[in-house]
Amino acid sequence: MKVNIDPILIDLGPIKVGWYGLMYVFGFFASYLLVRYQMKRKDFDISKPEVENLYFYLILGLIIGARLGYVLFYDLKMYLSDPLEIFAIWHGGMSFHGGLIGVLLVGVLFSWKNKKSFWRITDLIIVTVPPGLGFGRIGNFINGELYGRVTGVPWGMIFPKGGPLPRHPSQLYESALEGGVLFLILWLLKDKKLPTGGLLAIFLMLYGAFRFFVEFFREPDAHLGFIFGPFTMGQILTAFMLTGGGILFLYLKKREPQKKTRDR
C-alpha cells in the first residue's frame, strides 16, 4: 500500500492550511472540552476564565518547548551553524519531550502566580493530553514523516520519502497507543483513589513505555541513527521519562499521608 496524501488541506495561494497544523487545533480543542466536562463534575478550584488563560500559555509553552527541544536533543550542531533556522518551524522539527517540558514549566508558573495546586491542575489537564498526541501522529502519517522501518508485514506501507520498500506505519501505532490506549487508561483512573498528581506520574510511565516499544518499529532519525547500541534518541529520552514517572509516583504516594495529616 502506498501512502500519498496531500499534507495541505486548503491552498489559497499565500494562505495554506496543513493537516498537521489542524491536528494541533483538534488536540487543544478536544483537551479543552474534556477539561470543561471534568470541571462540571468535580471541583478543581479553577474558573473558566482561568482555564482559558492557562490554555493560551500552554499553547505557547508547547510550541516553544517542542521547537527548542528538537534543537537541543536532535540537531544542535546544525542550528548552531544557522541560528535563524531555529525560528523556521514551518520547515519541521518538533520534539514531544521538549513540548512536555514547556507545558510543565507553564503549569508551574501559572500555579505559582495564581496560588493554585500544581498537582491538582495537572490531574485535570493530563488526562486530556492523549487525544492530542493521537491527532499529532495522524498528522505525521499524512505528512509521510517519522515512518517506520522496512518490513514484510501485510500492512506495510510505502512512504514517498521512505524509498520503494514497504515500512511499518509506526505513526499509526503511536497514535493508537499514545492517543487511544493511554487516554482510555487515564480516563478510567481519573476518579480512582490516587495520590494528588498521580495521574501525571502514570502518564509519564505509560507514555514512556509505549514510545519506547514503538521506537523498535520506527526508523531512527537519519542524521542521528542509533545512539546507544540498538536504542534511538527517542528511547533514551523516554527511558528517563519512564524512570522519572516511577520516582514521582513513589514521592507523591509517600507525600499524600503527610499532607492529609497536616490538613486535619
C-alpha atoms as a PDB file:
ATOM      1  CA  MET A   1       0.000   0.000   0.000  1.00  0.00           C
ATOM      2  CA  LYS A   2       1.332   3.411  -0.984  1.00  0.00           C
ATOM      3  CA  VAL A   3       0.739   6.478   1.183  1.00  0.00           C
ATOM      4  CA  ASN A   4       0.406   9.653  -0.871  1.00  0.00           C
ATOM      5  CA  ILE A   5      -1.861  12.147   0.900  1.00  0.00           C
ATOM      6  CA  ASP A   6      -1.552  15.851   0.197  1.00  0.00           C
ATOM      7  CA  PRO A   7      -0.380  17.405   3.503  1.00  0.00           C
ATOM      8  CA  ILE A   8      -2.021  20.717   2.502  1.00  0.00           C
ATOM      9  CA  LEU A   9      -5.749  20.735   3.184  1.00  0.00           C
ATOM     10  CA  ILE A  10      -6.512  24.247   1.922  1.00  0.00           C
ATOM     11  CA  ASP A  11      -4.323  26.123  -0.564  1.00  0.00           C
ATOM     12  CA  LEU A  12      -5.309  29.739  -1.240  1.00  0.00           C
ATOM     13  CA  GLY A  13      -2.023  30.953  -2.661  1.00  0.00           C
ATOM     14  CA  PRO A  14      -0.165  32.682   0.181  1.00  0.00           C
ATOM     15  CA  ILE A  15      -2.556  31.148   2.699  1.00  0.00           C
ATOM     16  CA  LYS A  16      -2.098  27.433   3.277  1.00  0.00           C
ATOM     17  CA  VAL A  17      -3.714  25.226   5.914  1.00  0.00           C
ATOM     18  CA  GLY A  18      -1.948  21.934   6.520  1.00  0.00           C
ATOM     19  CA  TRP A  19      -3.326  18.796   8.100  1.00  0.00           C
ATOM     20  CA  TYR A  20      -0.549  18.746  10.693  1.00  0.00           C
ATOM     21  CA  GLY A  21      -1.318  22.228  11.984  1.00  0.00           C
ATOM     22  CA  LEU A  22      -5.010  21.384  12.029  1.00  0.00           C
ATOM     23  CA  MET A  23      -4.254  18.357  14.215  1.00  0.00           C
ATOM     24  CA  TYR A  24      -2.771  20.700  16.843  1.00  0.00           C
ATOM     25  CA  VAL A  25      -6.039  22.651  16.798  1.00  0.00           C
ATOM     26  CA  PHE A  26      -8.085  19.452  17.152  1.00  0.00           C
ATOM     27  CA  GLY A  27      -5.881  18.325  20.035  1.00  0.00           C
ATOM     28  CA  PHE A  28      -6.195  21.525  22.059  1.00  0.00           C
ATOM     29  CA  PHE A  29      -9.919  21.800  21.329  1.00  0.00           C
ATOM     30  CA  ALA A  30     -10.526  18.213  22.480  1.00  0.00           C
ATOM     31  CA  SER A  31      -8.431  18.823  25.599  1.00  0.00           C
ATOM     32  CA  TYR A  32     -10.341  21.986  26.465  1.00  0.00           C
ATOM     33  CA  LEU A  33     -13.744  20.290  26.068  1.00  0.00           C
ATOM     34  CA  LEU A  34     -12.666  17.355  28.233  1.00  0.00           C
ATOM     35  CA  VAL A  35     -11.351  19.727  30.905  1.00  0.00           C
ATOM     36  CA  ARG A  36     -14.631  21.659  30.954  1.00  0.00           C
ATOM     37  CA  TYR A  37     -16.531  18.369  31.243  1.00  0.00           C
ATOM     38  CA  GLN A  38     -14.460  17.374  34.281  1.00  0.00           C
ATOM     39  CA  MET A  39     -14.912  20.776  35.907  1.00  0.00           C
ATOM     40  CA  LYS A  40     -18.681  20.341  35.802  1.00  0.00           C
ATOM     41  CA  ARG A  41     -18.439  17.047  37.692  1.00  0.00           C
ATOM     42  CA  LYS A  42     -15.705  17.841  40.236  1.00  0.00           C
ATOM     43  CA  ASP A  43     -14.339  20.917  41.993  1.00  0.00           C
ATOM     44  CA  PHE A  44     -10.829  21.749  40.814  1.00  0.00           C
ATOM     45  CA  ASP A  45     -10.666  25.269  42.291  1.00  0.00           C
ATOM     46  CA  ILE A  46     -10.142  26.915  38.900  1.00  0.00           C
ATOM     47  CA  SER A  47     -12.569  29.091  36.956  1.00  0.00           C
ATOM     48  CA  LYS A  48     -13.443  29.027  33.255  1.00  0.00           C
ATOM     49  CA  PRO A  49     -11.585  32.328  32.530  1.00  0.00           C
ATOM     50  CA  GLU A  50      -8.511  30.970  34.339  1.00  0.00           C
ATOM     51  CA  VAL A  51      -8.632  27.784  32.261  1.00  0.00           C
ATOM     52  CA  GLU A  52      -8.874  29.778  29.041  1.00  0.00           C
ATOM     53  CA  ASN A  53      -5.943  31.919  30.128  1.00  0.00           C
ATOM     54  CA  LEU A  54      -3.969  28.808  31.032  1.00  0.00           C
ATOM     55  CA  TYR A  55      -4.594  27.236  27.613  1.00  0.00           C
ATOM     56  CA  PHE A  56      -3.253  30.319  25.852  1.00  0.00           C
ATOM     57  CA  TYR A  57       0.047  29.945  27.692  1.00  0.00           C
ATOM     58  CA  LEU A  58       0.058  26.156  27.316  1.00  0.00           C
ATOM     59  CA  ILE A  59      -0.083  26.569  23.539  1.00  0.00           C
ATOM     60  CA  LEU A  60       2.909  28.931  23.671  1.00  0.00           C
ATOM     61  CA  GLY A  61       4.766  26.619  26.042  1.00  0.00           C
ATOM     62  CA  LEU A  62       4.138  23.612  23.811  1.00  0.00           C
ATOM     63  CA  ILE A  63       5.275  25.270  20.588  1.00  0.00           C
ATOM     64  CA  ILE A  64       8.352  26.961  22.068  1.00  0.00           C
ATOM     65  CA  GLY A  65       9.316  23.920  24.146  1.00  0.00           C
ATOM     66  CA  ALA A  66       8.803  21.465  21.277  1.00  0.00           C
ATOM     67  CA  ARG A  67      10.948  23.576  18.951  1.00  0.00           C
ATOM     68  CA  LEU A  68      13.762  24.189  21.432  1.00  0.00           C
ATOM     69  CA  GLY A  69      13.626  20.539  22.479  1.00  0.00           C
ATOM     70  CA  TYR A  70      14.199  19.448  18.887  1.00  0.00           C
ATOM     71  CA  VAL A  71      17.063  21.918  18.518  1.00  0.00           C
ATOM     72  CA  LEU A  72      18.787  20.730  21.719  1.00  0.00           C
ATOM     73  CA  PHE A  73      18.058  16.998  21.567  1.00  0.00           C
ATOM     74  CA  TYR A  74      18.174  16.221  17.865  1.00  0.00           C
ATOM     75  CA  ASP A  75      20.222  18.655  15.749  1.00  0.00           C
ATOM     76  CA  LEU A  76      22.046  21.219  17.884  1.00  0.00           C
ATOM     77  CA  LYS A  77      25.137  21.345  15.637  1.00  0.00           C
ATOM     78  CA  MET A  78      23.125  22.304  12.557  1.00  0.00           C
ATOM     79  CA  TYR A  79      21.164  25.025  14.372  1.00  0.00           C
ATOM     80  CA  LEU A  80      24.329  26.500  15.888  1.00  0.00           C
ATOM     81  CA  SER A  81      25.686  26.886  12.369  1.00  0.00           C
ATOM     82  CA  ASP A  82      22.467  28.609  11.244  1.00  0.00           C
ATOM     83  CA  PRO A  83      20.688  30.100  14.327  1.00  0.00           C
ATOM     84  CA  LEU A  84      17.945  31.792  12.296  1.00  0.00           C
ATOM     85  CA  GLU A  85      16.734  28.340  11.247  1.00  0.00           C
ATOM     86  CA  ILE A  86      15.550  27.843  14.829  1.00  0.00           C
ATOM     87  CA  PHE A  87      12.632  30.160  14.083  1.00  0.00           C
ATOM     88  CA  ALA A  88      11.682  28.398  10.817  1.00  0.00           C
ATOM     89  CA  ILE A  89       9.208  25.989  12.429  1.00  0.00           C
ATOM     90  CA  TRP A  90       7.453  25.563   9.051  1.00  0.00           C
ATOM     91  CA  HIS A  91      10.486  23.525   7.988  1.00  0.00           C
ATOM     92  CA  GLY A  92       9.555  20.918  10.601  1.00  0.00           C
ATOM     93  CA  GLY A  93      11.306  19.725  13.721  1.00  0.00           C
ATOM     94  CA  MET A  94       9.271  19.478  16.911  1.00  0.00           C
ATOM     95  CA  SER A  95      10.128  17.338  19.948  1.00  0.00           C
ATOM     96  CA  PHE A  96       7.462  15.830  22.191  1.00  0.00           C
ATOM     97  CA  HIS A  97       9.835  15.801  25.155  1.00  0.00           C
ATOM     98  CA  GLY A  98      10.667  19.478  24.683  1.00  0.00           C
ATOM     99  CA  GLY A  99       6.971  20.292  24.388  1.00  0.00           C
ATOM    100  CA  LEU A 100       6.274  18.392  27.601  1.00  0.00           C
ATOM    101  CA  ILE A 101       8.932  20.359  29.467  1.00  0.00           C
ATOM    102  CA  GLY A 102       7.479  23.579  28.055  1.00  0.00           C
ATOM    103  CA  VAL A 103       3.909  22.918  29.210  1.00  0.00           C
ATOM    104  CA  LEU A 104       5.046  21.698  32.640  1.00  0.00           C
ATOM    105  CA  LEU A 105       7.024  24.904  33.173  1.00  0.00           C
ATOM    106  CA  VAL A 106       3.976  26.930  32.126  1.00  0.00           C
ATOM    107  CA  GLY A 107       1.862  24.916  34.564  1.00  0.00           C
ATOM    108  CA  VAL A 108       4.291  25.579  37.430  1.00  0.00           C
ATOM    109  CA  LEU A 109       4.396  29.327  36.714  1.00  0.00           C
ATOM    110  CA  PHE A 110       0.608  29.543  36.321  1.00  0.00           C
ATOM    111  CA  SER A 111       0.012  27.684  39.582  1.00  0.00           C
ATOM    112  CA  TRP A 112       2.513  29.836  41.465  1.00  0.00           C
ATOM    113  CA  LYS A 113       1.157  33.110  40.077  1.00  0.00           C
ATOM    114  CA  ASN A 114      -2.497  32.207  40.724  1.00  0.00           C
ATOM    115  CA  LYS A 115      -1.873  30.385  44.027  1.00  0.00           C
ATOM    116  CA  LYS A 116      -3.267  27.084  42.740  1.00  0.00           C
ATOM    117  CA  SER A 117      -2.206  23.499  43.399  1.00  0.00           C
ATOM    118  CA  PHE A 118       0.084  22.480  40.534  1.00  0.00           C
ATOM    119  CA  TRP A 119      -0.661  18.799  41.139  1.00  0.00           C
ATOM    120  CA  ARG A 120      -4.446  19.325  41.104  1.00  0.00           C
ATOM    121  CA  ILE A 121      -4.291  21.268  37.859  1.00  0.00           C
ATOM    122  CA  THR A 122      -2.026  18.627  36.371  1.00  0.00           C
ATOM    123  CA  ASP A 123      -4.524  15.905  37.277  1.00  0.00           C
ATOM    124  CA  LEU A 124      -7.193  17.909  35.472  1.00  0.00           C
ATOM    125  CA  ILE A 125      -5.194  18.573  32.297  1.00  0.00           C
ATOM    126  CA  ILE A 126      -3.006  15.494  31.806  1.00  0.00           C
ATOM    127  CA  VAL A 127      -5.961  13.134  31.289  1.00  0.00           C
ATOM    128  CA  THR A 128      -6.924  15.160  28.221  1.00  0.00           C
ATOM    129  CA  VAL A 129      -3.497  15.164  26.563  1.00  0.00           C
ATOM    130  CA  PRO A 130      -3.512  11.744  24.782  1.00  0.00           C
ATOM    131  CA  PRO A 131      -6.142  12.639  22.136  1.00  0.00           C
ATOM    132  CA  GLY A 132      -3.891  15.492  21.011  1.00  0.00           C
ATOM    133  CA  LEU A 133      -0.948  13.089  20.798  1.00  0.00           C
ATOM    134  CA  GLY A 134      -3.067  10.736  18.718  1.00  0.00           C
ATOM    135  CA  PHE A 135      -4.091  13.528  16.344  1.00  0.00           C
ATOM    136  CA  GLY A 136      -0.470  14.651  16.055  1.00  0.00           C
ATOM    137  CA  ARG A 137       0.697  11.206  14.971  1.00  0.00           C
ATOM    138  CA  ILE A 138      -2.051  11.079  12.360  1.00  0.00           C
ATOM    139  CA  GLY A 139      -0.662  14.402  11.116  1.00  0.00           C
ATOM    140  CA  ASN A 140       2.792  12.785  10.880  1.00  0.00           C
ATOM    141  CA  PHE A 141       1.248   9.925   8.899  1.00  0.00           C
ATOM    142  CA  ILE A 142      -0.446  12.308   6.450  1.00  0.00           C
ATOM    143  CA  ASN A 143       2.849  14.190   6.032  1.00  0.00           C
ATOM    144  CA  GLY A 144       4.610  10.894   5.304  1.00  0.00           C
ATOM    145  CA  GLU A 145       7.199  11.598   8.026  1.00  0.00           C
ATOM    146  CA  LEU A 146       8.504   9.697  11.060  1.00  0.00           C
ATOM    147  CA  TYR A 147       7.695   6.456   9.266  1.00  0.00           C
ATOM    148  CA  GLY A 148       8.709   3.003  10.412  1.00  0.00           C
ATOM    149  CA  ARG A 149      11.441   0.571   9.475  1.00  0.00           C
ATOM    150  CA  VAL A 150      11.355  -1.650   6.412  1.00  0.00           C
ATOM    151  CA  THR A 151       9.043  -4.616   6.945  1.00  0.00           C
ATOM    152  CA  GLY A 152       7.401  -7.561   5.238  1.00  0.00           C
ATOM    153  CA  VAL A 153       4.134  -7.462   7.216  1.00  0.00           C
ATOM    154  CA  PRO A 154       0.951  -7.360   5.072  1.00  0.00           C
ATOM    155  CA  TRP A 155       0.051  -3.875   6.295  1.00  0.00           C
ATOM    156  CA  GLY A 156       3.436  -2.388   5.392  1.00  0.00           C
ATOM    157  CA  MET A 157       3.168   0.944   3.553  1.00  0.00           C
ATOM    158  CA  ILE A 158       5.347   2.750   1.028  1.00  0.00           C
ATOM    159  CA  PHE A 159       6.010   6.355   2.010  1.00  0.00           C
ATOM    160  CA  PRO A 160       7.132   8.880  -0.666  1.00  0.00           C
ATOM    161  CA  LYS A 161      10.110   9.982   1.475  1.00  0.00           C
ATOM    162  CA  GLY A 162      10.950   6.452   2.620  1.00  0.00           C
ATOM    163  CA  GLY A 163      12.109   4.796  -0.574  1.00  0.00           C
ATOM    164  CA  PRO A 164      10.493   1.973  -2.585  1.00  0.00           C
ATOM    165  CA  LEU A 165      10.202  -0.633   0.187  1.00  0.00           C
ATOM    166  CA  PRO A 166       7.167  -1.047   2.493  1.00  0.00           C
ATOM    167  CA  ARG A 167       7.592   0.178   6.036  1.00  0.00           C
ATOM    168  CA  HIS A 168       5.797  -0.066   9.364  1.00  0.00           C
ATOM    169  CA  PRO A 169       3.163   2.699   9.701  1.00  0.00           C
ATOM    170  CA  SER A 170       4.679   3.450  13.104  1.00  0.00           C
ATOM    171  CA  GLN A 171       2.847   6.780  13.275  1.00  0.00           C
ATOM    172  CA  LEU A 172      -0.433   4.837  13.465  1.00  0.00           C
ATOM    173  CA  TYR A 173       0.997   2.504  16.122  1.00  0.00           C
ATOM    174  CA  GLU A 174       1.877   5.554  18.203  1.00  0.00           C
ATOM    175  CA  SER A 175      -1.495   7.170  17.552  1.00  0.00           C
ATOM    176  CA  ALA A 176      -3.280   4.056  18.799  1.00  0.00           C
ATOM    177  CA  LEU A 177      -1.118   3.570  21.913  1.00  0.00           C
ATOM    178  CA  GLU A 178      -0.257   7.149  22.923  1.00  0.00           C
ATOM    179  CA  GLY A 179      -3.616   8.515  21.820  1.00  0.00           C
ATOM    180  CA  GLY A 180      -6.238   5.803  22.262  1.00  0.00           C
ATOM    181  CA  VAL A 181      -4.975   3.325  24.846  1.00  0.00           C
ATOM    182  CA  LEU A 182      -3.301   5.921  27.064  1.00  0.00           C
ATOM    183  CA  PHE A 183      -6.412   8.103  27.067  1.00  0.00           C
ATOM    184  CA  LEU A 184      -8.661   5.157  27.973  1.00  0.00           C
ATOM    185  CA  ILE A 185      -6.427   4.137  30.896  1.00  0.00           C
ATOM    186  CA  LEU A 186      -6.100   7.659  32.302  1.00  0.00           C
ATOM    187  CA  TRP A 187      -9.807   8.383  31.881  1.00  0.00           C
ATOM    188  CA  LEU A 188     -10.713   5.228  33.790  1.00  0.00           C
ATOM    189  CA  LEU A 189      -8.212   6.098  36.542  1.00  0.00           C
ATOM    190  CA  LYS A 190      -9.140   9.764  36.973  1.00  0.00           C
ATOM    191  CA  ASP A 191     -11.817   9.060  39.601  1.00  0.00           C
ATOM    192  CA  LYS A 192      -9.856   6.357  41.403  1.00  0.00           C
ATOM    193  CA  LYS A 193      -8.109   6.884  44.717  1.00  0.00           C
ATOM    194  CA  LEU A 194      -4.653   8.070  43.691  1.00  0.00           C
ATOM    195  CA  PRO A 195      -2.173  10.498  45.253  1.00  0.00           C
ATOM    196  CA  THR A 196      -2.692  14.070  44.051  1.00  0.00           C
ATOM    197  CA  GLY A 197      -0.589  14.434  40.908  1.00  0.00           C
ATOM    198  CA  GLY A 198      -0.510  10.672  40.448  1.00  0.00           C
ATOM    199  CA  LEU A 199      -2.088  10.894  37.005  1.00  0.00           C
ATOM    200  CA  LEU A 200       0.919  12.868  35.755  1.00  0.00           C
ATOM    201  CA  ALA A 201       3.261  10.167  37.060  1.00  0.00           C
ATOM    202  CA  ILE A 202       1.187   7.434  35.414  1.00  0.00           C
ATOM    203  CA  PHE A 203       1.119   9.404  32.163  1.00  0.00           C
ATOM    204  CA  LEU A 204       4.916   9.702  32.191  1.00  0.00           C
ATOM    205  CA  MET A 205       5.360   5.984  32.830  1.00  0.00           C
ATOM    206  CA  LEU A 206       2.819   4.753  30.278  1.00  0.00           C
ATOM    207  CA  TYR A 207       3.814   7.178  27.541  1.00  0.00           C
ATOM    208  CA  GLY A 208       7.440   6.279  28.154  1.00  0.00           C
ATOM    209  CA  ALA A 209       6.689   2.556  27.906  1.00  0.00           C
ATOM    210  CA  PHE A 210       4.540   2.907  24.766  1.00  0.00           C
ATOM    211  CA  ARG A 211       7.011   5.187  22.996  1.00  0.00           C
ATOM    212  CA  PHE A 212       9.991   3.014  23.949  1.00  0.00           C
ATOM    213  CA  PHE A 213       8.212  -0.017  22.454  1.00  0.00           C
ATOM    214  CA  VAL A 214       7.124   1.660  19.204  1.00  0.00           C
ATOM    215  CA  GLU A 215      10.607   3.065  18.616  1.00  0.00           C
ATOM    216  CA  PHE A 216      11.696  -0.504  17.759  1.00  0.00           C
ATOM    217  CA  PHE A 217       9.446  -0.229  14.685  1.00  0.00           C
ATOM    218  CA  ARG A 218      10.232   3.399  13.822  1.00  0.00           C
ATOM    219  CA  GLU A 219      13.060   4.427  11.509  1.00  0.00           C
ATOM    220  CA  PRO A 220      15.753   6.269  13.505  1.00  0.00           C
ATOM    221  CA  ASP A 221      16.447   9.882  12.542  1.00  0.00           C
ATOM    222  CA  ALA A 222      18.774   9.792   9.541  1.00  0.00           C
ATOM    223  CA  HIS A 223      21.234  12.313  10.989  1.00  0.00           C
ATOM    224  CA  LEU A 224      21.380  10.530  14.371  1.00  0.00           C
ATOM    225  CA  GLY A 225      20.879   6.819  13.769  1.00  0.00           C
ATOM    226  CA  PHE A 226      21.229   4.626  16.841  1.00  0.00           C
ATOM    227  CA  ILE A 227      22.624   6.440  19.874  1.00  0.00           C
ATOM    228  CA  PHE A 228      23.423   3.656  22.308  1.00  0.00           C
ATOM    229  CA  GLY A 229      23.553   0.107  20.922  1.00  0.00           C
ATOM    230  CA  PRO A 230      20.140  -0.673  19.394  1.00  0.00           C
ATOM    231  CA  PHE A 231      18.482   2.312  21.072  1.00  0.00           C
ATOM    232  CA  THR A 232      17.426   5.595  19.480  1.00  0.00           C
ATOM    233  CA  MET A 233      17.391   9.120  20.883  1.00  0.00           C
ATOM    234  CA  GLY A 234      13.628   8.784  21.393  1.00  0.00           C
ATOM    235  CA  GLN A 235      14.146   5.665  23.514  1.00  0.00           C
ATOM    236  CA  ILE A 236      16.846   7.282  25.636  1.00  0.00           C
ATOM    237  CA  LEU A 237      14.638  10.301  26.353  1.00  0.00           C
ATOM    238  CA  THR A 238      11.591   8.155  27.113  1.00  0.00           C
ATOM    239  CA  ALA A 239      13.653   5.907  29.386  1.00  0.00           C
ATOM    240  CA  PHE A 240      14.379   8.971  31.534  1.00  0.00           C
ATOM    241  CA  MET A 241      10.707   9.870  31.320  1.00  0.00           C
ATOM    242  CA  LEU A 242       9.555   6.412  32.399  1.00  0.00           C
ATOM    243  CA  THR A 243      12.026   6.328  35.289  1.00  0.00           C
ATOM    244  CA  GLY A 244      11.093   9.852  36.348  1.00  0.00           C
ATOM    245  CA  GLY A 245       7.410   8.930  36.334  1.00  0.00           C
ATOM    246  CA  GLY A 246       8.045   5.982  38.634  1.00  0.00           C
ATOM    247  CA  ILE A 247      10.100   8.075  41.068  1.00  0.00           C
ATOM    248  CA  LEU A 248       7.455  10.825  41.009  1.00  0.00           C
ATOM    249  CA  PHE A 249       4.656   8.377  41.786  1.00  0.00           C
ATOM    250  CA  LEU A 250       6.535   6.973  44.789  1.00  0.00           C
ATOM    251  CA  TYR A 251       7.261  10.504  46.003  1.00  0.00           C
ATOM    252  CA  LEU A 252       3.615  11.579  45.680  1.00  0.00           C
ATOM    253  CA  LYS A 253       2.395   8.408  47.367  1.00  0.00           C
ATOM    254  CA  LYS A 254       4.726   8.984  50.298  1.00  0.00           C
ATOM    255  CA  ARG A 255       3.784  12.671  50.443  1.00  0.00           C
ATOM    256  CA  GLU A 256      -0.005  12.119  50.457  1.00  0.00           C
ATOM    257  CA  PRO A 257      -0.411  10.755  54.029  1.00  0.00           C
ATOM    258  CA  GLN A 258       1.746  13.597  55.364  1.00  0.00           C
ATOM    259  CA  LYS A 259      -0.387  16.152  53.513  1.00  0.00           C
ATOM    260  CA  LYS A 260      -3.625  14.663  54.891  1.00  0.00           C
ATOM    261  CA  THR A 261      -2.178  14.766  58.411  1.00  0.00           C
ATOM    262  CA  ARG A 262      -1.345  18.470  58.041  1.00  0.00           C
ATOM    263  CA  ASP A 263      -4.847  19.174  56.683  1.00  0.00           C
ATOM    264  CA  ARG A 264      -6.600  17.796  59.792  1.00  0.00           C
END
